[in-house]
C-alpha atoms as a PDB file:
ATOM      1  CA  MET A   1      93.773  71.285  25.670  1.00  0.00           C
ATOM      2  CA  VAL A   2      95.102  67.985  27.101  1.00  0.00           C
ATOM      3  CA  SER A   3      92.607  65.939  29.045  1.00  0.00           C
ATOM      4  CA  ILE A   4      93.275  64.587  32.520  1.00  0.00           C
ATOM      5  CA  GLY A   5      93.521  61.013  31.152  1.00  0.00           C
ATOM      6  CA  GLU A   6      96.068  62.012  28.527  1.00  0.00           C
ATOM      7  CA  SER A   7      98.119  63.822  31.199  1.00  0.00           C
ATOM      8  CA  GLU A   8      98.216  60.741  33.385  1.00  0.00           C
ATOM      9  CA  SER A   9      99.219  58.581  30.390  1.00  0.00           C
ATOM     10  CA  LEU A  10     102.057  60.959  29.507  1.00  0.00           C
ATOM     11  CA  ALA A  11     103.194  60.993  33.133  1.00  0.00           C
ATOM     12  CA  ARG A  12     103.373  57.188  33.131  1.00  0.00           C
ATOM     13  CA  ARG A  13     105.269  57.042  29.852  1.00  0.00           C
ATOM     14  CA  ARG A  14     107.875  59.583  30.888  1.00  0.00           C
ATOM     15  CA  PRO A  15     109.480  57.444  33.682  1.00  0.00           C
ATOM     16  CA  ALA A  16     109.410  54.380  31.409  1.00  0.00           C
ATOM     17  CA  ARG A  17     111.251  56.250  28.666  1.00  0.00           C
ATOM     18  CA  SER A  18     113.724  57.655  31.201  1.00  0.00           C
ATOM     19  CA  ALA A  19     114.403  54.167  32.589  1.00  0.00           C
ATOM     20  CA  ARG A  20     114.980  52.763  29.074  1.00  0.00           C
ATOM     21  CA  SER A  21     117.284  55.670  28.241  1.00  0.00           C
ATOM     22  CA  LEU A  22     119.229  55.137  31.456  1.00  0.00           C
ATOM     23  CA  ARG A  23     119.613  51.404  30.775  1.00  0.00           C
ATOM     24  CA  TRP A  24     120.747  52.136  27.215  1.00  0.00           C
ATOM     25  CA  ARG A  25     123.391  54.605  28.441  1.00  0.00           C
ATOM     26  CA  GLU A  26     124.585  52.141  31.096  1.00  0.00           C
ATOM     27  CA  ASN A  27     124.830  49.350  28.517  1.00  0.00           C
ATOM     28  CA  LEU A  28     126.715  51.601  26.126  1.00  0.00           C
ATOM     29  CA  THR A  29     129.121  52.631  28.885  1.00  0.00           C
ATOM     30  CA  GLY A  30     129.703  48.996  29.796  1.00  0.00           C
ATOM     31  CA  TRP A  31     130.424  48.003  26.195  1.00  0.00           C
ATOM     32  CA  LEU A  32     132.841  50.939  25.830  1.00  0.00           C
ATOM     33  CA  PHE A  33     134.732  49.805  28.935  1.00  0.00           C
ATOM     34  CA  ILE A  34     135.106  46.206  27.752  1.00  0.00           C
ATOM     35  CA  ALA A  35     135.710  47.115  24.083  1.00  0.00           C
ATOM     36  CA  PRO A  36     139.562  47.099  24.329  1.00  0.00           C
ATOM     37  CA  ALA A  37     139.588  43.734  26.102  1.00  0.00           C
ATOM     38  CA  LEU A  38     136.990  42.350  23.693  1.00  0.00           C
ATOM     39  CA  LEU A  39     139.019  43.545  20.708  1.00  0.00           C
ATOM     40  CA  GLY A  40     142.186  41.965  22.115  1.00  0.00           C
ATOM     41  CA  PHE A  41     140.357  38.713  22.844  1.00  0.00           C
ATOM     42  CA  THR A  42     138.922  38.596  19.312  1.00  0.00           C
ATOM     43  CA  VAL A  43     142.208  39.365  17.551  1.00  0.00           C
ATOM     44  CA  PHE A  44     144.582  37.313  19.674  1.00  0.00           C
ATOM     45  CA  TYR A  45     142.383  34.421  20.889  1.00  0.00           C
ATOM     46  CA  LEU A  46     139.109  33.928  19.026  1.00  0.00           C
ATOM     47  CA  LEU A  47     140.372  34.367  15.450  1.00  0.00           C
ATOM     48  CA  PRO A  48     143.529  32.236  16.008  1.00  0.00           C
ATOM     49  CA  THR A  49     141.346  29.530  17.565  1.00  0.00           C
ATOM     50  CA  LEU A  50     139.044  29.465  14.544  1.00  0.00           C
ATOM     51  CA  ARG A  51     142.103  29.440  12.278  1.00  0.00           C
ATOM     52  CA  ALA A  52     143.538  26.489  14.243  1.00  0.00           C
ATOM     53  CA  VAL A  53     140.315  24.549  13.721  1.00  0.00           C
ATOM     54  CA  GLU A  54     140.567  25.240  10.001  1.00  0.00           C
ATOM     55  CA  ILE A  55     144.237  24.183   9.835  1.00  0.00           C
ATOM     56  CA  SER A  56     143.498  20.994  11.815  1.00  0.00           C
ATOM     57  CA  LEU A  57     141.455  19.776   8.844  1.00  0.00           C
ATOM     58  CA  THR A  58     144.413  20.067   6.487  1.00  0.00           C
ATOM     59  CA  ASP A  59     147.812  18.539   5.753  1.00  0.00           C
ATOM     60  CA  TRP A  60     150.201  21.510   5.799  1.00  0.00           C
ATOM     61  CA  ASN A  61     153.989  21.572   6.181  1.00  0.00           C
ATOM     62  CA  LEU A  62     154.400  25.387   5.840  1.00  0.00           C
ATOM     63  CA  MET A  63     156.195  24.941   2.497  1.00  0.00           C
ATOM     64  CA  ARG A  64     153.206  24.292   0.256  1.00  0.00           C
ATOM     65  CA  ALA A  65     149.530  25.114   0.148  1.00  0.00           C
ATOM     66  CA  PRO A  66     147.389  23.313   2.760  1.00  0.00           C
ATOM     67  CA  LYS A  67     145.647  20.167   1.517  1.00  0.00           C
ATOM     68  CA  PHE A  68     142.208  19.442   2.964  1.00  0.00           C
ATOM     69  CA  VAL A  69     142.116  16.000   4.640  1.00  0.00           C
ATOM     70  CA  GLY A  70     138.979  16.270   6.770  1.00  0.00           C
ATOM     71  CA  LEU A  71     139.178  14.442  10.099  1.00  0.00           C
ATOM     72  CA  ASP A  72     142.263  12.370   9.187  1.00  0.00           C
ATOM     73  CA  ASN A  73     144.456  14.205  11.712  1.00  0.00           C
ATOM     74  CA  TYR A  74     142.008  13.457  14.524  1.00  0.00           C
ATOM     75  CA  VAL A  75     141.793   9.785  13.517  1.00  0.00           C
ATOM     76  CA  ARG A  76     145.575   9.617  13.474  1.00  0.00           C
ATOM     77  CA  LEU A  77     145.729  10.884  17.059  1.00  0.00           C
ATOM     78  CA  ILE A  78     143.885   7.800  18.294  1.00  0.00           C
ATOM     79  CA  GLY A  79     146.644   5.480  17.096  1.00  0.00           C
ATOM     80  CA  ASP A  80     149.614   7.681  18.002  1.00  0.00           C
ATOM     81  CA  PRO A  81     151.448   6.195  21.039  1.00  0.00           C
ATOM     82  CA  ARG A  82     153.585   9.334  21.426  1.00  0.00           C
ATOM     83  CA  PHE A  83     150.416  11.407  21.784  1.00  0.00           C
ATOM     84  CA  TRP A  84     149.023   9.175  24.520  1.00  0.00           C
ATOM     85  CA  GLN A  85     152.389   9.166  26.278  1.00  0.00           C
ATOM     86  CA  SER A  86     152.397  12.969  26.274  1.00  0.00           C
ATOM     87  CA  VAL A  87     148.856  12.984  27.694  1.00  0.00           C
ATOM     88  CA  LYS A  88     149.981  10.619  30.474  1.00  0.00           C
ATOM     89  CA  ILE A  89     153.015  12.788  31.276  1.00  0.00           C
ATOM     90  CA  THR A  90     150.850  15.915  31.353  1.00  0.00           C
ATOM     91  CA  CYS A  91     148.369  14.296  33.756  1.00  0.00           C
ATOM     92  CA  LEU A  92     151.240  13.173  35.999  1.00  0.00           C
ATOM     93  CA  TYR A  93     152.605  16.707  36.007  1.00  0.00           C
ATOM     94  CA  VAL A  94     149.195  18.058  37.033  1.00  0.00           C
ATOM     95  CA  LEU A  95     149.016  15.510  39.874  1.00  0.00           C
ATOM     96  CA  TYR A  96     152.521  16.434  41.058  1.00  0.00           C
ATOM     97  CA  ASN A  97     151.912  20.168  40.808  1.00  0.00           C
ATOM     98  CA  ILE A  98     148.360  21.140  41.790  1.00  0.00           C
ATOM     99  CA  PRO A  99     147.888  19.392  45.198  1.00  0.00           C
ATOM    100  CA  VAL A 100     151.268  20.547  46.546  1.00  0.00           C
ATOM    101  CA  GLN A 101     150.885  24.090  45.239  1.00  0.00           C
ATOM    102  CA  THR A 102     147.345  24.416  46.616  1.00  0.00           C
ATOM    103  CA  VAL A 103     148.102  22.970  50.062  1.00  0.00           C
ATOM    104  CA  LEU A 104     151.291  24.997  50.509  1.00  0.00           C
ATOM    105  CA  GLY A 105     149.557  28.175  49.329  1.00  0.00           C
ATOM    106  CA  LEU A 106     146.686  27.656  51.755  1.00  0.00           C
ATOM    107  CA  ALA A 107     149.077  26.933  54.627  1.00  0.00           C
ATOM    108  CA  LEU A 108     151.095  30.088  53.893  1.00  0.00           C
ATOM    109  CA  ALA A 109     147.913  32.178  53.683  1.00  0.00           C
ATOM    110  CA  VAL A 110     146.642  30.909  57.038  1.00  0.00           C
ATOM    111  CA  LEU A 111     150.033  31.567  58.668  1.00  0.00           C
ATOM    112  CA  MET A 112     150.152  35.106  57.252  1.00  0.00           C
ATOM    113  CA  ASP A 113     146.594  35.736  58.445  1.00  0.00           C
ATOM    114  CA  ARG A 114     147.197  34.407  61.960  1.00  0.00           C
ATOM    115  CA  LEU A 115     150.809  35.390  62.660  1.00  0.00           C
ATOM    116  CA  SER A 116     151.699  38.446  60.593  1.00  0.00           C
ATOM    117  CA  LYS A 117     149.885  40.824  58.267  1.00  0.00           C
ATOM    118  CA  SER A 118     153.095  42.540  57.175  1.00  0.00           C
ATOM    119  CA  VAL A 119     153.038  43.975  53.656  1.00  0.00           C
ATOM    120  CA  ALA A 120     156.781  43.277  53.355  1.00  0.00           C
ATOM    121  CA  LEU A 121     156.190  39.600  54.144  1.00  0.00           C
ATOM    122  CA  ARG A 122     153.498  39.347  51.476  1.00  0.00           C
ATOM    123  CA  ALA A 123     155.860  40.997  48.997  1.00  0.00           C
ATOM    124  CA  VAL A 124     158.539  38.385  49.728  1.00  0.00           C
ATOM    125  CA  VAL A 125     156.017  35.556  49.374  1.00  0.00           C
ATOM    126  CA  VAL A 126     154.785  36.738  45.981  1.00  0.00           C
ATOM    127  CA  ALA A 127     158.262  37.670  44.653  1.00  0.00           C
ATOM    128  CA  PRO A 128     158.934  34.332  42.831  1.00  0.00           C
ATOM    129  CA  TYR A 129     155.747  34.809  40.815  1.00  0.00           C
ATOM    130  CA  LEU A 130     157.094  38.111  39.496  1.00  0.00           C
ATOM    131  CA  LEU A 131     159.912  36.239  37.757  1.00  0.00           C
ATOM    132  CA  SER A 132     159.177  34.927  34.287  1.00  0.00           C
ATOM    133  CA  ASN A 133     159.059  31.161  33.787  1.00  0.00           C
ATOM    134  CA  VAL A 134     162.183  31.365  31.637  1.00  0.00           C
ATOM    135  CA  VAL A 135     164.186  33.166  34.345  1.00  0.00           C
ATOM    136  CA  ALA A 136     162.980  30.735  37.028  1.00  0.00           C
ATOM    137  CA  ALA A 137     163.919  27.769  34.842  1.00  0.00           C
ATOM    138  CA  LEU A 138     167.400  29.192  34.189  1.00  0.00           C
ATOM    139  CA  ILE A 139     167.965  29.758  37.912  1.00  0.00           C
ATOM    140  CA  PHE A 140     167.036  26.177  38.766  1.00  0.00           C
ATOM    141  CA  LEU A 141     168.974  24.828  35.786  1.00  0.00           C
ATOM    142  CA  TRP A 142     172.100  26.071  37.558  1.00  0.00           C
ATOM    143  CA  LEU A 143     170.941  25.256  41.085  1.00  0.00           C
ATOM    144  CA  LEU A 144     170.139  21.633  40.166  1.00  0.00           C
ATOM    145  CA  ASP A 145     173.156  21.014  37.943  1.00  0.00           C
ATOM    146  CA  PRO A 146     174.665  17.650  38.984  1.00  0.00           C
ATOM    147  CA  ILE A 147     178.247  18.993  38.928  1.00  0.00           C
ATOM    148  CA  LEU A 148     178.144  22.756  39.549  1.00  0.00           C
ATOM    149  CA  GLY A 149     174.784  23.149  41.273  1.00  0.00           C
ATOM    150  CA  ILE A 150     174.651  24.343  44.871  1.00  0.00           C
ATOM    151  CA  THR A 151     171.821  21.901  45.614  1.00  0.00           C
ATOM    152  CA  ASN A 152     174.010  18.864  44.936  1.00  0.00           C
ATOM    153  CA  ALA A 153     176.894  20.503  46.785  1.00  0.00           C
ATOM    154  CA  PHE A 154     174.658  20.770  49.858  1.00  0.00           C
ATOM    155  CA  LEU A 155     173.502  17.154  49.469  1.00  0.00           C
ATOM    156  CA  GLY A 156     177.153  16.113  49.393  1.00  0.00           C
ATOM    157  CA  LEU A 157     177.779  17.924  52.694  1.00  0.00           C
ATOM    158  CA  ILE A 158     175.072  15.891  54.437  1.00  0.00           C
ATOM    159  CA  GLY A 159     176.212  12.599  52.958  1.00  0.00           C
ATOM    160  CA  ILE A 160     173.741  12.210  50.105  1.00  0.00           C
ATOM    161  CA  SER A 161     175.050  11.380  46.638  1.00  0.00           C
ATOM    162  CA  ARG A 162     174.588  13.843  43.810  1.00  0.00           C
ATOM    163  CA  GLN A 163     171.205  13.615  42.075  1.00  0.00           C
ATOM    164  CA  PRO A 164     170.547  14.143  38.336  1.00  0.00           C
ATOM    165  CA  PHE A 165     167.421  16.182  38.977  1.00  0.00           C
ATOM    166  CA  LEU A 166     166.862  17.396  35.409  1.00  0.00           C
ATOM    167  CA  THR A 167     168.758  14.679  33.535  1.00  0.00           C
ATOM    168  CA  SER A 168     167.126  11.576  34.969  1.00  0.00           C
ATOM    169  CA  PRO A 169     163.930  10.072  33.486  1.00  0.00           C
ATOM    170  CA  GLU A 170     162.753   9.307  37.030  1.00  0.00           C
ATOM    171  CA  LEU A 171     163.397  12.752  38.551  1.00  0.00           C
ATOM    172  CA  SER A 172     163.032  15.221  35.682  1.00  0.00           C
ATOM    173  CA  LEU A 173     159.229  15.580  35.689  1.00  0.00           C
ATOM    174  CA  VAL A 174     159.126  15.880  39.486  1.00  0.00           C
ATOM    175  CA  SER A 175     161.871  18.522  39.322  1.00  0.00           C
ATOM    176  CA  VAL A 176     159.985  20.538  36.700  1.00  0.00           C
ATOM    177  CA  ALA A 177     156.862  20.360  38.865  1.00  0.00           C
ATOM    178  CA  ALA A 178     158.885  21.503  41.904  1.00  0.00           C
ATOM    179  CA  ILE A 179     160.217  24.520  39.974  1.00  0.00           C
ATOM    180  CA  ASN A 180     156.710  25.613  39.066  1.00  0.00           C
ATOM    181  CA  VAL A 181     155.430  24.958  42.604  1.00  0.00           C
ATOM    182  CA  TRP A 182     158.156  27.285  43.903  1.00  0.00           C
ATOM    183  CA  ARG A 183     157.165  29.980  41.420  1.00  0.00           C
ATOM    184  CA  HIS A 184     153.364  29.836  41.808  1.00  0.00           C
ATOM    185  CA  THR A 185     152.829  28.979  45.484  1.00  0.00           C
ATOM    186  CA  GLY A 186     153.295  32.602  46.591  1.00  0.00           C
ATOM    187  CA  MET A 187     150.601  33.876  44.233  1.00  0.00           C
ATOM    188  CA  THR A 188     148.282  31.085  45.365  1.00  0.00           C
ATOM    189  CA  ALA A 189     148.924  32.108  48.980  1.00  0.00           C
ATOM    190  CA  ILE A 190     148.084  35.755  48.217  1.00  0.00           C
ATOM    191  CA  LEU A 191     144.776  34.745  46.611  1.00  0.00           C
ATOM    192  CA  PHE A 192     143.890  32.569  49.605  1.00  0.00           C
ATOM    193  CA  TYR A 193     144.927  35.396  51.931  1.00  0.00           C
ATOM    194  CA  ALA A 194     142.567  37.784  50.147  1.00  0.00           C
ATOM    195  CA  GLY A 195     139.786  35.236  50.576  1.00  0.00           C
ATOM    196  CA  LEU A 196     140.525  34.921  54.282  1.00  0.00           C
ATOM    197  CA  GLN A 197     140.106  38.683  54.748  1.00  0.00           C
ATOM    198  CA  ALA A 198     136.533  38.422  53.466  1.00  0.00           C
ATOM    199  CA  ILE A 199     135.496  35.941  56.180  1.00  0.00           C
ATOM    200  CA  PRO A 200     133.744  37.746  59.087  1.00  0.00           C
ATOM    201  CA  ARG A 201     135.814  37.520  62.288  1.00  0.00           C
ATOM    202  CA  SER A 202     132.592  37.243  64.289  1.00  0.00           C
ATOM    203  CA  LEU A 203     132.234  33.658  63.057  1.00  0.00           C
ATOM    204  CA  TYR A 204     135.548  32.686  64.646  1.00  0.00           C
ATOM    205  CA  GLU A 205     134.689  34.527  67.873  1.00  0.00           C
ATOM    206  CA  ALA A 206     131.365  32.708  68.125  1.00  0.00           C
ATOM    207  CA  ALA A 207     133.090  29.376  67.468  1.00  0.00           C
ATOM    208  CA  ARG A 208     135.664  30.029  70.201  1.00  0.00           C
ATOM    209  CA  ILE A 209     132.896  30.847  72.674  1.00  0.00           C
ATOM    210  CA  ASP A 210     131.331  27.482  71.803  1.00  0.00           C
ATOM    211  CA  GLY A 211     134.674  25.776  72.527  1.00  0.00           C
ATOM    212  CA  ALA A 212     135.700  24.957  68.956  1.00  0.00           C
ATOM    213  CA  SER A 213     139.360  24.106  68.389  1.00  0.00           C
ATOM    214  CA  GLU A 214     141.542  25.713  65.717  1.00  0.00           C
ATOM    215  CA  TRP A 215     141.233  22.603  63.543  1.00  0.00           C
ATOM    216  CA  HIS A 216     137.442  22.567  63.794  1.00  0.00           C
ATOM    217  CA  MET A 217     137.257  26.277  62.908  1.00  0.00           C
ATOM    218  CA  PHE A 218     139.540  25.705  59.931  1.00  0.00           C
ATOM    219  CA  ARG A 219     137.540  22.703  58.756  1.00  0.00           C
ATOM    220  CA  HIS A 220     134.000  24.029  59.309  1.00  0.00           C
ATOM    221  CA  ILE A 221     134.461  27.796  58.789  1.00  0.00           C
ATOM    222  CA  THR A 222     137.606  28.593  56.813  1.00  0.00           C
ATOM    223  CA  LEU A 223     137.485  25.864  54.169  1.00  0.00           C
ATOM    224  CA  PRO A 224     133.760  26.161  53.288  1.00  0.00           C
ATOM    225  CA  LEU A 225     133.931  29.956  53.040  1.00  0.00           C
ATOM    226  CA  LEU A 226     137.094  29.809  50.928  1.00  0.00           C
ATOM    227  CA  ARG A 227     135.403  27.614  48.324  1.00  0.00           C
ATOM    228  CA  PRO A 228     134.914  30.367  45.690  1.00  0.00           C
ATOM    229  CA  VAL A 229     138.600  31.262  45.914  1.00  0.00           C
ATOM    230  CA  LEU A 230     139.553  27.570  45.900  1.00  0.00           C
ATOM    231  CA  VAL A 231     137.490  26.997  42.739  1.00  0.00           C
ATOM    232  CA  PHE A 232     139.236  29.881  40.980  1.00  0.00           C
ATOM    233  CA  ILE A 233     142.699  28.720  42.052  1.00  0.00           C
ATOM    234  CA  VAL A 234     142.188  25.060  41.149  1.00  0.00           C
ATOM    235  CA  VAL A 235     140.563  25.778  37.787  1.00  0.00           C
ATOM    236  CA  THR A 236     143.194  28.298  36.663  1.00  0.00           C
ATOM    237  CA  SER A 237     146.058  26.170  38.027  1.00  0.00           C
ATOM    238  CA  VAL A 238     144.868  23.054  36.201  1.00  0.00           C
ATOM    239  CA  ILE A 239     144.527  24.988  32.944  1.00  0.00           C
ATOM    240  CA  GLY A 240     148.002  26.470  33.417  1.00  0.00           C
ATOM    241  CA  SER A 241     149.506  23.072  34.262  1.00  0.00           C
ATOM    242  CA  PHE A 242     148.112  21.489  31.107  1.00  0.00           C
ATOM    243  CA  GLN A 243     149.812  24.289  29.174  1.00  0.00           C
ATOM    244  CA  VAL A 244     153.262  24.085  30.798  1.00  0.00           C
ATOM    245  CA  PHE A 245     155.944  24.853  28.233  1.00  0.00           C
ATOM    246  CA  ASP A 246     158.505  27.501  29.254  1.00  0.00           C
ATOM    247  CA  THR A 247     160.168  25.519  32.038  1.00  0.00           C
ATOM    248  CA  ILE A 248     160.415  22.382  29.905  1.00  0.00           C
ATOM    249  CA  ALA A 249     161.756  24.311  26.897  1.00  0.00           C
ATOM    250  CA  VAL A 250     164.573  25.813  28.992  1.00  0.00           C
ATOM    251  CA  ALA A 251     165.394  23.054  31.486  1.00  0.00           C
ATOM    252  CA  THR A 252     164.800  19.701  29.759  1.00  0.00           C
ATOM    253  CA  ARG A 253     163.588  20.230  26.163  1.00  0.00           C
ATOM    254  CA  GLY A 254     161.203  17.325  26.599  1.00  0.00           C
ATOM    255  CA  GLY A 255     163.904  14.908  27.749  1.00  0.00           C
ATOM    256  CA  PRO A 256     165.525  12.873  28.898  1.00  0.00           C
ATOM    257  CA  VAL A 257     163.984  10.091  26.783  1.00  0.00           C
ATOM    258  CA  ASN A 258     160.760  12.116  26.375  1.00  0.00           C
ATOM    259  CA  SER A 259     160.141  11.909  30.140  1.00  0.00           C
ATOM    260  CA  THR A 260     159.014  15.571  30.229  1.00  0.00           C
ATOM    261  CA  SER A 261     157.403  15.654  26.785  1.00  0.00           C
ATOM    262  CA  THR A 262     154.032  17.087  27.763  1.00  0.00           C
ATOM    263  CA  ILE A 263     151.205  17.626  25.293  1.00  0.00           C
ATOM    264  CA  ILE A 264     152.202  21.256  24.669  1.00  0.00           C
ATOM    265  CA  TRP A 265     155.812  20.250  23.987  1.00  0.00           C
ATOM    266  CA  TYR A 266     154.635  17.547  21.565  1.00  0.00           C
ATOM    267  CA  ILE A 267     152.424  20.118  19.802  1.00  0.00           C
ATOM    268  CA  TYR A 268     155.416  22.461  19.535  1.00  0.00           C
ATOM    269  CA  GLU A 269     157.658  19.712  18.131  1.00  0.00           C
ATOM    270  CA  SER A 270     155.026  18.558  15.652  1.00  0.00           C
ATOM    271  CA  ALA A 271     154.506  22.103  14.361  1.00  0.00           C
ATOM    272  CA  PHE A 272     157.993  23.592  14.301  1.00  0.00           C
ATOM    273  CA  ARG A 273     160.348  20.613  14.264  1.00  0.00           C
ATOM    274  CA  PHE A 274     158.464  18.148  12.071  1.00  0.00           C
ATOM    275  CA  SER A 275     156.456  20.815  10.147  1.00  0.00           C
ATOM    276  CA  LYS A 276     153.126  19.063  10.690  1.00  0.00           C
ATOM    277  CA  MET A 277     150.949  22.101  11.266  1.00  0.00           C
ATOM    278  CA  GLY A 278     147.671  20.302  10.606  1.00  0.00           C
ATOM    279  CA  TYR A 279     148.470  17.518  13.064  1.00  0.00           C
ATOM    280  CA  ALA A 280     149.680  20.001  15.695  1.00  0.00           C
ATOM    281  CA  SER A 281     146.527  22.079  15.253  1.00  0.00           C
ATOM    282  CA  ALA A 282     144.371  18.989  15.713  1.00  0.00           C
ATOM    283  CA  MET A 283     146.088  18.298  19.036  1.00  0.00           C
ATOM    284  CA  SER A 284     145.604  21.939  20.032  1.00  0.00           C
ATOM    285  CA  VAL A 285     141.887  21.821  19.268  1.00  0.00           C
ATOM    286  CA  LEU A 286     141.518  18.560  21.180  1.00  0.00           C
ATOM    287  CA  LEU A 287     143.417  20.012  24.151  1.00  0.00           C
ATOM    288  CA  PHE A 288     141.112  23.041  24.105  1.00  0.00           C
ATOM    289  CA  LEU A 289     138.020  20.822  24.202  1.00  0.00           C
ATOM    290  CA  VAL A 290     139.492  18.726  27.021  1.00  0.00           C
ATOM    291  CA  LEU A 291     140.269  21.831  29.082  1.00  0.00           C
ATOM    292  CA  VAL A 292     136.744  23.165  28.559  1.00  0.00           C
ATOM    293  CA  GLY A 293     135.322  19.820  29.719  1.00  0.00           C
ATOM    294  CA  VAL A 294     137.651  19.585  32.731  1.00  0.00           C
ATOM    295  CA  THR A 295     136.800  23.162  33.733  1.00  0.00           C
ATOM    296  CA  LEU A 296     133.049  22.552  33.535  1.00  0.00           C
ATOM    297  CA  ILE A 297     133.380  19.370  35.589  1.00  0.00           C
ATOM    298  CA  GLN A 298     135.478  21.124  38.227  1.00  0.00           C
ATOM    299  CA  MET A 299     133.042  24.017  38.513  1.00  0.00           C
ATOM    300  CA  ARG A 300     130.083  21.637  38.757  1.00  0.00           C
ATOM    301  CA  VAL A 301     131.717  19.379  41.373  1.00  0.00           C
ATOM    302  CA  MET A 302     132.973  22.319  43.451  1.00  0.00           C
ATOM    303  CA  ARG A 303     129.647  24.211  43.157  1.00  0.00           C
ATOM    304  CA  ALA A 304     131.251  27.332  41.717  1.00  0.00           C
ATOM    305  CA  GLY A 305     127.942  29.113  41.311  1.00  0.00           C
ATOM    306  CA  SER A 306     127.002  29.112  45.018  1.00  0.00           C
ATOM    307  CA  SER A 307     128.493  30.569  48.177  1.00  0.00           C
ATOM    308  CA  ASP A 308     128.405  29.486  51.822  1.00  0.00           C
ATOM    309  CA  LEU A 309     128.864  33.077  53.000  1.00  0.00           C
ATOM    310  CA  GLU A 310     125.204  34.126  53.355  1.00  0.00           C
END
């Protein structure tokens, strides 16, 4: 016979065991769902990253066995003027690209939200993003050609001399940034538009009753409540801008006179043109650490972990 006390103890244990079993099944289900992505991340990102760190400590030209040199590659970076020039060019590209892309994307999103919610319009806006970087670069390589390009033909019609957009040291980096702004602004606008749909319309109605202007509503309602989306867009755009390669490889190949030789292009040249895999890997590892630091700073400054929509 089971006593009353033992019955009560068993009754208390049963829900606890059921809750633990439920949590275990939920955890197992979650791990099964993320297993393919986790496997892909491990094979294609984590292991190559660890391998890059290992190679960065060696002198390896792909033709002979790697020779361990410790931190010599990292020390060499400090005195390499070409490396610092590529860092400067990359930072300039980010400054040319991110503010324009973000502002234009936000403006397009607000216009779509206020004037038209047409699915066809959103499809047209996002269409450039569906093109690969290589295709977009090839299109603009012809459009901006100083002799055959339609852009210079149009400038000639309005009395402006032909411009060497992709062959001038002064214009090439700006032109590359403009190509990527054209390609990515639509996707940025769609992300902002999705964020705008999550803002309660009652806030705007209350502001109008209080006599707020459109500018005041945009400044004090729209912008603060779009901050989570803005953080995501800025962080991912900055990371992508530091890694720009396709457009430069097709349109300028780092020229003219290294005016578009970004850090990724210099890494590519060091590895596959000059066969300095250890040196290229050291730059890659350093770029990774810089991007991690920049991302953490951005998320801290922009308060990524909090929301104004409460």
